Amino acid sequence: MILEESFDFETGFNSPEWKMAAVGICDQVGIEFETIQRAASSDHVVFLIDDRFLLKIFRPSRSCFERELKALEFVTGRLVFQTPEIVESGTFSGLQFIITTQISGVPFTRNEFLNLPKKERYTVLAELASGLRQLHDELDPSPLPDDWAEFVRDRADTFVERQIAHEVNPDIIKDLPRFIDTHLSSVPMQPTAFLHGDVHFGNLRLRRVNGGYSITGLFDFADSRRGFREYDFLAVGVLMIQGERDLQREFFRAYGYAEHEMDEAMRKRLMMLTILYETSDLRRYALRLRPEAVDFTLEELETAIWSFV
């Protein structure tokens, strides 16, 4: 099955035609299968092929195909976490795709995580922090393009209009230019590290070990880039442990921060990075806290999300 030229990725994102396209890609690359099913994903079209492979068809409006391809080639076999291996890549009906191996382990949600005993939560966060520290410290990013300074300028220059489109409350919109002008300089431009860019439960797999849980793998490198290492804390902070003071502090300790470094300056810097985040949506982050948070001021939202101080 070939997608029609008039087929639109955005409006057809949930179309049943994607399954026929996925079957067509498997035929194109010679992969035989028994089952193929659509997986949950907000950015790209993803299918699970049996329990062996994952097919990702990339959203054309974002430059994620090359980023993920280069990132997977870069990290394979180099991290403490299992990462996907590339099986095939190419184009189908003008759309770019990658087929990788699946990562072993079970998916986890924020609610499931928060219901674990405290000791188990701390163990998982310590593993995650240690793995990210390895990613940032031990992988020389020089083979990969470094557009961090350009990215920061673009995100800062376009942030207000993007938040207006997300229907962020007027009080925050009014305060954003001042906040950006004041705190943008706190974000280092150099040196840059390799970043996964989207670390959250949806991109992790865990397994039961000795009565607790352990991280087995990290995947979905479509948002990877070079940049300031704390950028990799953002999805952790706004999607995994938002508003959880003790869990945030435990994560930062495990990464290597001293007690005195977890201060207001760090919180302001992380809020500035939250604003720079590639797909940042302050209204969505507020709703993840609680419904009434959509009416918070910018300062209230900052202290509610980044509650470690």
Foldseek 3Di string as FASTA:
>chain_A
DADDPPDACVVCVVPPVVVVQVVVVCVVVVHDADDKAWDDDDAWTWIDGHQWKIKTWGDPVDPQQVQQVVVLVQCDPPFPAHEWDWDDWDDGNRITMTMTTDFDAAFDALVRLVPDPPVQNLQALLQVLVRLLCQFPVRDCVVADACAVVLLVVLLVCLLVVQVVLVQDPLQSVCSVVLCVVQVVVFDSDDKGKALQADDRVQWGWHQDPNHIYTHHGYDSSRIHIGDSCSNCQNCQQGRQFQPQVSVVSSVVSNPDDPVVLDVSVLSNSLSSLSSRPPRHLCVSLVVQPNVSSPDHSVVSSCRRHVND
